[in-house]
Amino acid sequence: MTGKADTNPGVSADSGRKALHVMVVGAIGVVFGDLGTSPLYTFSEAFSEKHGMPVTEFNVLGVLSLVLWTLLIVVAL
């Protein structure tokens, strides 16, 4: 035992950091990509025939308000 940690000579610390940065950016993209597309599904579901809510100006603004407040609360907390 020499007291040194075993390291892989083919992998440098820089490539490990690069891989970590790529994974972090990918994870952020998944989270914010999901948050960005979810409102589209919310609108299509809210105004589907099975719920019976008519597409009026007030209903669209109400659903939009719910989506925006939900995103603000989720991101803020």
PDB file of N, CA and C in Angstrom:
ATOM      1  N   MET A   1       0.842  -1.176   0.000  1.00  0.00           N
ATOM      2  CA  MET A   1       0.000   0.000   0.000  1.00  0.00           C
ATOM      3  C   MET A   1       0.879   1.227   0.000  1.00  0.00           C
ATOM      4  N   THR A   2       0.684   2.051  -0.993  1.00  0.00           N
ATOM      5  CA  THR A   2       1.495   3.256  -1.120  1.00  0.00           C
ATOM      6  C   THR A   2       0.803   4.482  -0.558  1.00  0.00           C
ATOM      7  N   GLY A   3      -0.474   4.389  -0.218  1.00  0.00           N
ATOM      8  CA  GLY A   3      -1.186   5.546   0.314  1.00  0.00           C
ATOM      9  C   GLY A   3      -1.866   6.372  -0.764  1.00  0.00           C
ATOM     10  N   LYS A   4      -1.650   6.040  -2.032  1.00  0.00           N
ATOM     11  CA  LYS A   4      -2.291   6.774  -3.122  1.00  0.00           C
ATOM     12  C   LYS A   4      -3.569   6.052  -3.526  1.00  0.00           C
ATOM     13  N   ALA A   5      -4.541   6.834  -3.931  1.00  0.00           N
ATOM     14  CA  ALA A   5      -5.790   6.244  -4.398  1.00  0.00           C
ATOM     15  C   ALA A   5      -5.584   5.659  -5.783  1.00  0.00           C
ATOM     16  N   ASP A   6      -6.225   4.535  -6.026  1.00  0.00           N
ATOM     17  CA  ASP A   6      -6.152   3.946  -7.356  1.00  0.00           C
ATOM     18  C   ASP A   6      -6.955   4.807  -8.317  1.00  0.00           C
ATOM     19  N   THR A   7      -6.348   5.210  -9.395  1.00  0.00           N
ATOM     20  CA  THR A   7      -7.044   6.003 -10.404  1.00  0.00           C
ATOM     21  C   THR A   7      -6.933   5.310 -11.735  1.00  0.00           C
ATOM     22  N   ASN A   8      -7.850   5.622 -12.595  1.00  0.00           N
ATOM     23  CA  ASN A   8      -7.826   5.077 -13.941  1.00  0.00           C
ATOM     24  C   ASN A   8      -6.949   5.984 -14.785  1.00  0.00           C
ATOM     25  N   PRO A   9      -5.815   5.491 -15.282  1.00  0.00           N
ATOM     26  CA  PRO A   9      -4.905   6.361 -16.017  1.00  0.00           C
ATOM     27  C   PRO A   9      -5.477   6.848 -17.344  1.00  0.00           C
ATOM     28  N   GLY A  10      -6.503   6.194 -17.868  1.00  0.00           N
ATOM     29  CA  GLY A  10      -7.083   6.605 -19.146  1.00  0.00           C
ATOM     30  C   GLY A  10      -8.117   7.711 -19.018  1.00  0.00           C
ATOM     31  N   VAL A  11      -8.533   8.036 -17.789  1.00  0.00           N
ATOM     32  CA  VAL A  11      -9.574   9.041 -17.580  1.00  0.00           C
ATOM     33  C   VAL A  11      -8.992  10.180 -16.764  1.00  0.00           C
ATOM     34  N   SER A  12      -9.061  11.378 -17.312  1.00  0.00           N
ATOM     35  CA  SER A  12      -8.546  12.529 -16.578  1.00  0.00           C
ATOM     36  C   SER A  12      -9.662  13.166 -15.766  1.00  0.00           C
ATOM     37  N   ALA A  13      -9.287  14.014 -14.823  1.00  0.00           N
ATOM     38  CA  ALA A  13     -10.274  14.711 -13.999  1.00  0.00           C
ATOM     39  C   ALA A  13     -11.112  15.656 -14.847  1.00  0.00           C
ATOM     40  N   ASP A  14     -10.504  16.243 -15.881  1.00  0.00           N
ATOM     41  CA  ASP A  14     -11.246  17.157 -16.751  1.00  0.00           C
ATOM     42  C   ASP A  14     -12.359  16.444 -17.507  1.00  0.00           C
ATOM     43  N   SER A  15     -12.097  15.245 -17.985  1.00  0.00           N
ATOM     44  CA  SER A  15     -13.140  14.521 -18.717  1.00  0.00           C
ATOM     45  C   SER A  15     -14.261  14.100 -17.772  1.00  0.00           C
ATOM     46  N   GLY A  16     -13.930  13.817 -16.522  1.00  0.00           N
ATOM     47  CA  GLY A  16     -14.957  13.500 -15.535  1.00  0.00           C
ATOM     48  C   GLY A  16     -15.850  14.687 -15.247  1.00  0.00           C
ATOM     49  N   ARG A  17     -15.248  15.877 -15.143  1.00  0.00           N
ATOM     50  CA  ARG A  17     -16.030  17.093 -14.923  1.00  0.00           C
ATOM     51  C   ARG A  17     -16.898  17.406 -16.134  1.00  0.00           C
ATOM     52  N   LYS A  18     -16.339  17.188 -17.316  1.00  0.00           N
ATOM     53  CA  LYS A  18     -17.088  17.441 -18.544  1.00  0.00           C
ATOM     54  C   LYS A  18     -18.319  16.537 -18.609  1.00  0.00           C
ATOM     55  N   ALA A  19     -18.133  15.279 -18.255  1.00  0.00           N
ATOM     56  CA  ALA A  19     -19.245  14.335 -18.271  1.00  0.00           C
ATOM     57  C   ALA A  19     -20.308  14.741 -17.256  1.00  0.00           C
ATOM     58  N   LEU A  20     -19.879  15.209 -16.091  1.00  0.00           N
ATOM     59  CA  LEU A  20     -20.822  15.666 -15.079  1.00  0.00           C
ATOM     60  C   LEU A  20     -21.606  16.868 -15.579  1.00  0.00           C
ATOM     61  N   HIS A  21     -20.930  17.810 -16.215  1.00  0.00           N
ATOM     62  CA  HIS A  21     -21.614  18.991 -16.749  1.00  0.00           C
ATOM     63  C   HIS A  21     -22.628  18.605 -17.822  1.00  0.00           C
ATOM     64  N   VAL A  22     -22.279  17.656 -18.655  1.00  0.00           N
ATOM     65  CA  VAL A  22     -23.205  17.199 -19.694  1.00  0.00           C
ATOM     66  C   VAL A  22     -24.439  16.562 -19.060  1.00  0.00           C
ATOM     67  N   MET A  23     -24.246  15.757 -18.020  1.00  0.00           N
ATOM     68  CA  MET A  23     -25.384  15.132 -17.346  1.00  0.00           C
ATOM     69  C   MET A  23     -26.260  16.164 -16.651  1.00  0.00           C
ATOM     70  N   VAL A  24     -25.656  17.181 -16.035  1.00  0.00           N
ATOM     71  CA  VAL A  24     -26.432  18.225 -15.358  1.00  0.00           C
ATOM     72  C   VAL A  24     -27.273  18.996 -16.368  1.00  0.00           C
ATOM     73  N   VAL A  25     -26.666  19.392 -17.478  1.00  0.00           N
ATOM     74  CA  VAL A  25     -27.409  20.123 -18.508  1.00  0.00           C
ATOM     75  C   VAL A  25     -28.528  19.250 -19.076  1.00  0.00           C
ATOM     76  N   GLY A  26     -28.265  17.980 -19.260  1.00  0.00           N
ATOM     77  CA  GLY A  26     -29.297  17.070 -19.741  1.00  0.00           C
ATOM     78  C   GLY A  26     -30.453  16.944 -18.766  1.00  0.00           C
ATOM     79  N   ALA A  27     -30.150  16.857 -17.476  1.00  0.00           N
ATOM     80  CA  ALA A  27     -31.203  16.760 -16.463  1.00  0.00           C
ATOM     81  C   ALA A  27     -32.033  18.033 -16.413  1.00  0.00           C
ATOM     82  N   ILE A  28     -31.374  19.180 -16.504  1.00  0.00           N
ATOM     83  CA  ILE A  28     -32.101  20.455 -16.515  1.00  0.00           C
ATOM     84  C   ILE A  28     -33.001  20.528 -17.744  1.00  0.00           C
ATOM     85  N   GLY A  29     -32.497  20.065 -18.878  1.00  0.00           N
ATOM     86  CA  GLY A  29     -33.305  20.062 -20.097  1.00  0.00           C
ATOM     87  C   GLY A  29     -34.532  19.185 -19.975  1.00  0.00           C
ATOM     88  N   VAL A  30     -34.395  18.041 -19.316  1.00  0.00           N
ATOM     89  CA  VAL A  30     -35.538  17.155 -19.128  1.00  0.00           C
ATOM     90  C   VAL A  30     -36.579  17.817 -18.238  1.00  0.00           C
ATOM     91  N   VAL A  31     -36.144  18.410 -17.138  1.00  0.00           N
ATOM     92  CA  VAL A  31     -37.082  19.036 -16.199  1.00  0.00           C
ATOM     93  C   VAL A  31     -37.797  20.204 -16.852  1.00  0.00           C
ATOM     94  N   PHE A  32     -37.037  21.137 -17.428  1.00  0.00           N
ATOM     95  CA  PHE A  32     -37.670  22.315 -17.999  1.00  0.00           C
ATOM     96  C   PHE A  32     -38.379  21.995 -19.306  1.00  0.00           C
ATOM     97  N   GLY A  33     -37.943  20.987 -20.024  1.00  0.00           N
ATOM     98  CA  GLY A  33     -38.676  20.556 -21.210  1.00  0.00           C
ATOM     99  C   GLY A  33     -40.036  20.000 -20.839  1.00  0.00           C
ATOM    100  N   ASP A  34     -40.081  19.246 -19.749  1.00  0.00           N
ATOM    101  CA  ASP A  34     -41.344  18.704 -19.267  1.00  0.00           C
ATOM    102  C   ASP A  34     -42.255  19.820 -18.786  1.00  0.00           C
ATOM    103  N   LEU A  35     -41.702  20.776 -18.049  1.00  0.00           N
ATOM    104  CA  LEU A  35     -42.505  21.903 -17.587  1.00  0.00           C
ATOM    105  C   LEU A  35     -43.007  22.741 -18.755  1.00  0.00           C
ATOM    106  N   GLY A  36     -42.226  22.800 -19.821  1.00  0.00           N
ATOM    107  CA  GLY A  36     -42.618  23.612 -20.970  1.00  0.00           C
ATOM    108  C   GLY A  36     -43.714  22.978 -21.804  1.00  0.00           C
ATOM    109  N   THR A  37     -43.772  21.650 -21.869  1.00  0.00           N
ATOM    110  CA  THR A  37     -44.788  20.998 -22.695  1.00  0.00           C
ATOM    111  C   THR A  37     -46.038  20.621 -21.911  1.00  0.00           C
ATOM    112  N   SER A  38     -45.960  20.543 -20.609  1.00  0.00           N
ATOM    113  CA  SER A  38     -47.123  20.155 -19.811  1.00  0.00           C
ATOM    114  C   SER A  38     -48.320  21.085 -19.984  1.00  0.00           C
ATOM    115  N   PRO A  39     -48.136  22.413 -20.065  1.00  0.00           N
ATOM    116  CA  PRO A  39     -49.303  23.279 -20.278  1.00  0.00           C
ATOM    117  C   PRO A  39     -50.066  22.967 -21.564  1.00  0.00           C
ATOM    118  N   LEU A  40     -49.384  22.511 -22.593  1.00  0.00           N
ATOM    119  CA  LEU A  40     -50.085  22.158 -23.831  1.00  0.00           C
ATOM    120  C   LEU A  40     -51.059  21.015 -23.585  1.00  0.00           C
ATOM    121  N   TYR A  41     -50.621  20.014 -22.833  1.00  0.00           N
ATOM    122  CA  TYR A  41     -51.500  18.896 -22.511  1.00  0.00           C
ATOM    123  C   TYR A  41     -52.604  19.332 -21.558  1.00  0.00           C
ATOM    124  N   THR A  42     -52.312  20.284 -20.698  1.00  0.00           N
ATOM    125  CA  THR A  42     -53.315  20.788 -19.764  1.00  0.00           C
ATOM    126  C   THR A  42     -54.464  21.434 -20.514  1.00  0.00           C
ATOM    127  N   PHE A  43     -54.143  22.270 -21.495  1.00  0.00           N
ATOM    128  CA  PHE A  43     -55.195  22.930 -22.266  1.00  0.00           C
ATOM    129  C   PHE A  43     -56.021  21.917 -23.057  1.00  0.00           C
ATOM    130  N   SER A  44     -55.366  20.971 -23.695  1.00  0.00           N
ATOM    131  CA  SER A  44     -56.129  19.994 -24.482  1.00  0.00           C
ATOM    132  C   SER A  44     -57.013  19.134 -23.580  1.00  0.00           C
ATOM    133  N   GLU A  45     -56.544  18.828 -22.384  1.00  0.00           N
ATOM    134  CA  GLU A  45     -57.334  18.015 -21.463  1.00  0.00           C
ATOM    135  C   GLU A  45     -58.460  18.827 -20.824  1.00  0.00           C
ATOM    136  N   ALA A  46     -58.180  20.078 -20.465  1.00  0.00           N
ATOM    137  CA  ALA A  46     -59.194  20.909 -19.805  1.00  0.00           C
ATOM    138  C   ALA A  46     -60.394  21.156 -20.710  1.00  0.00           C
ATOM    139  N   PHE A  47     -60.142  21.283 -21.995  1.00  0.00           N
ATOM    140  CA  PHE A  47     -61.223  21.594 -22.923  1.00  0.00           C
ATOM    141  C   PHE A  47     -61.668  20.386 -23.741  1.00  0.00           C
ATOM    142  N   SER A  48     -61.342  19.189 -23.279  1.00  0.00           N
ATOM    143  CA  SER A  48     -61.808  17.990 -23.986  1.00  0.00           C
ATOM    144  C   SER A  48     -63.305  17.808 -23.743  1.00  0.00           C
ATOM    145  N   GLU A  49     -63.932  17.037 -24.595  1.00  0.00           N
ATOM    146  CA  GLU A  49     -65.387  16.855 -24.517  1.00  0.00           C
ATOM    147  C   GLU A  49     -65.826  16.153 -23.237  1.00  0.00           C
ATOM    148  N   LYS A  50     -64.977  15.307 -22.675  1.00  0.00           N
ATOM    149  CA  LYS A  50     -65.409  14.550 -21.494  1.00  0.00           C
ATOM    150  C   LYS A  50     -65.581  15.428 -20.257  1.00  0.00           C
ATOM    151  N   HIS A  51     -64.948  16.620 -20.236  1.00  0.00           N
ATOM    152  CA  HIS A  51     -65.113  17.521 -19.094  1.00  0.00           C
ATOM    153  C   HIS A  51     -66.248  18.509 -19.305  1.00  0.00           C
ATOM    154  N   GLY A  52     -66.622  18.762 -20.546  1.00  0.00           N
ATOM    155  CA  GLY A  52     -67.767  19.613 -20.838  1.00  0.00           C
ATOM    156  C   GLY A  52     -67.549  21.095 -20.584  1.00  0.00           C
ATOM    157  N   MET A  53     -66.313  21.537 -20.464  1.00  0.00           N
ATOM    158  CA  MET A  53     -66.059  22.964 -20.248  1.00  0.00           C
ATOM    159  C   MET A  53     -65.940  23.645 -21.614  1.00  0.00           C
ATOM    160  N   PRO A  54     -66.795  24.628 -21.872  1.00  0.00           N
ATOM    161  CA  PRO A  54     -66.738  25.289 -23.181  1.00  0.00           C
ATOM    162  C   PRO A  54     -65.497  26.173 -23.309  1.00  0.00           C
ATOM    163  N   VAL A  55     -65.052  26.352 -24.537  1.00  0.00           N
ATOM    164  CA  VAL A  55     -63.892  27.200 -24.805  1.00  0.00           C
ATOM    165  C   VAL A  55     -64.392  28.636 -24.923  1.00  0.00           C
ATOM    166  N   THR A  56     -64.299  29.345 -23.808  1.00  0.00           N
ATOM    167  CA  THR A  56     -64.652  30.768 -23.799  1.00  0.00           C
ATOM    168  C   THR A  56     -63.425  31.551 -23.362  1.00  0.00           C
ATOM    169  N   GLU A  57     -63.501  32.850 -23.540  1.00  0.00           N
ATOM    170  CA  GLU A  57     -62.366  33.697 -23.151  1.00  0.00           C
ATOM    171  C   GLU A  57     -62.053  33.548 -21.662  1.00  0.00           C
ATOM    172  N   PHE A  58     -63.086  33.526 -20.836  1.00  0.00           N
ATOM    173  CA  PHE A  58     -62.876  33.437 -19.388  1.00  0.00           C
ATOM    174  C   PHE A  58     -62.309  32.073 -18.974  1.00  0.00           C
ATOM    175  N   ASN A  59     -62.782  31.008 -19.606  1.00  0.00           N
ATOM    176  CA  ASN A  59     -62.256  29.679 -19.279  1.00  0.00           C
ATOM    177  C   ASN A  59     -60.799  29.526 -19.705  1.00  0.00           C
ATOM    178  N   VAL A  60     -60.459  30.050 -20.877  1.00  0.00           N
ATOM    179  CA  VAL A  60     -59.070  29.980 -21.339  1.00  0.00           C
ATOM    180  C   VAL A  60     -58.169  30.768 -20.400  1.00  0.00           C
ATOM    181  N   LEU A  61     -58.597  31.965 -20.006  1.00  0.00           N
ATOM    182  CA  LEU A  61     -57.800  32.772 -19.069  1.00  0.00           C
ATOM    183  C   LEU A  61     -57.706  32.095 -17.701  1.00  0.00           C
ATOM    184  N   GLY A  62     -58.767  31.426 -17.276  1.00  0.00           N
ATOM    185  CA  GLY A  62     -58.741  30.714 -16.001  1.00  0.00           C
ATOM    186  C   GLY A  62     -57.758  29.554 -16.006  1.00  0.00           C
ATOM    187  N   VAL A  63     -57.777  28.756 -17.068  1.00  0.00           N
ATOM    188  CA  VAL A  63     -56.834  27.635 -17.172  1.00  0.00           C
ATOM    189  C   VAL A  63     -55.408  28.158 -17.294  1.00  0.00           C
ATOM    190  N   LEU A  64     -55.219  29.219 -18.078  1.00  0.00           N
ATOM    191  CA  LEU A  64     -53.890  29.824 -18.206  1.00  0.00           C
ATOM    192  C   LEU A  64     -53.394  30.325 -16.855  1.00  0.00           C
ATOM    193  N   SER A  65     -54.277  30.929 -16.079  1.00  0.00           N
ATOM    194  CA  SER A  65     -53.904  31.404 -14.744  1.00  0.00           C
ATOM    195  C   SER A  65     -53.488  30.238 -13.845  1.00  0.00           C
ATOM    196  N   LEU A  66     -54.248  29.152 -13.882  1.00  0.00           N
ATOM    197  CA  LEU A  66     -53.892  27.976 -13.077  1.00  0.00           C
ATOM    198  C   LEU A  66     -52.532  27.414 -13.477  1.00  0.00           C
ATOM    199  N   VAL A  67     -52.267  27.357 -14.782  1.00  0.00           N
ATOM    200  CA  VAL A  67     -50.981  26.833 -15.260  1.00  0.00           C
ATOM    201  C   VAL A  67     -49.843  27.729 -14.799  1.00  0.00           C
ATOM    202  N   LEU A  68     -49.996  29.045 -14.980  1.00  0.00           N
ATOM    203  CA  LEU A  68     -48.925  29.971 -14.597  1.00  0.00           C
ATOM    204  C   LEU A  68     -48.656  29.942 -13.095  1.00  0.00           C
ATOM    205  N   TRP A  69     -49.709  29.955 -12.282  1.00  0.00           N
ATOM    206  CA  TRP A  69     -49.514  29.915 -10.832  1.00  0.00           C
ATOM    207  C   TRP A  69     -48.866  28.601 -10.398  1.00  0.00           C
ATOM    208  N   THR A  70     -49.271  27.502 -11.018  1.00  0.00           N
ATOM    209  CA  THR A  70     -48.669  26.208 -10.684  1.00  0.00           C
ATOM    210  C   THR A  70     -47.186  26.196 -11.018  1.00  0.00           C
ATOM    211  N   LEU A  71     -46.820  26.701 -12.202  1.00  0.00           N
ATOM    212  CA  LEU A  71     -45.406  26.744 -12.576  1.00  0.00           C
ATOM    213  C   LEU A  71     -44.613  27.651 -11.645  1.00  0.00           C
ATOM    214  N   LEU A  72     -45.183  28.794 -11.277  1.00  0.00           N
ATOM    215  CA  LEU A  72     -44.483  29.704 -10.365  1.00  0.00           C
ATOM    216  C   LEU A  72     -44.255  29.064  -9.001  1.00  0.00           C
ATOM    217  N   ILE A  73     -45.265  28.392  -8.488  1.00  0.00           N
ATOM    218  CA  ILE A  73     -45.139  27.773  -7.164  1.00  0.00           C
ATOM    219  C   ILE A  73     -44.147  26.609  -7.210  1.00  0.00           C
ATOM    220  N   VAL A  74     -44.223  25.780  -8.244  1.00  0.00           N
ATOM    221  CA  VAL A  74     -43.318  24.630  -8.348  1.00  0.00           C
ATOM    222  C   VAL A  74     -41.874  25.085  -8.467  1.00  0.00           C
ATOM    223  N   VAL A  75     -41.623  26.089  -9.302  1.00  0.00           N
ATOM    224  CA  VAL A  75     -40.253  26.555  -9.505  1.00  0.00           C
ATOM    225  C   VAL A  75     -39.747  27.314  -8.282  1.00  0.00           C
ATOM    226  N   ALA A  76     -40.616  28.090  -7.629  1.00  0.00           N
ATOM    227  CA  ALA A  76     -40.191  28.898  -6.478  1.00  0.00           C
ATOM    228  C   ALA A  76     -39.888  28.039  -5.252  1.00  0.00           C
ATOM    229  N   LEU A  77     -40.588  26.936  -5.107  1.00  0.00           N
ATOM    230  CA  LEU A  77     -40.368  26.107  -3.920  1.00  0.00           C
ATOM    231  C   LEU A  77     -39.398  25.035  -4.276  1.00  0.00           C
TER     232      LEU A  77
END
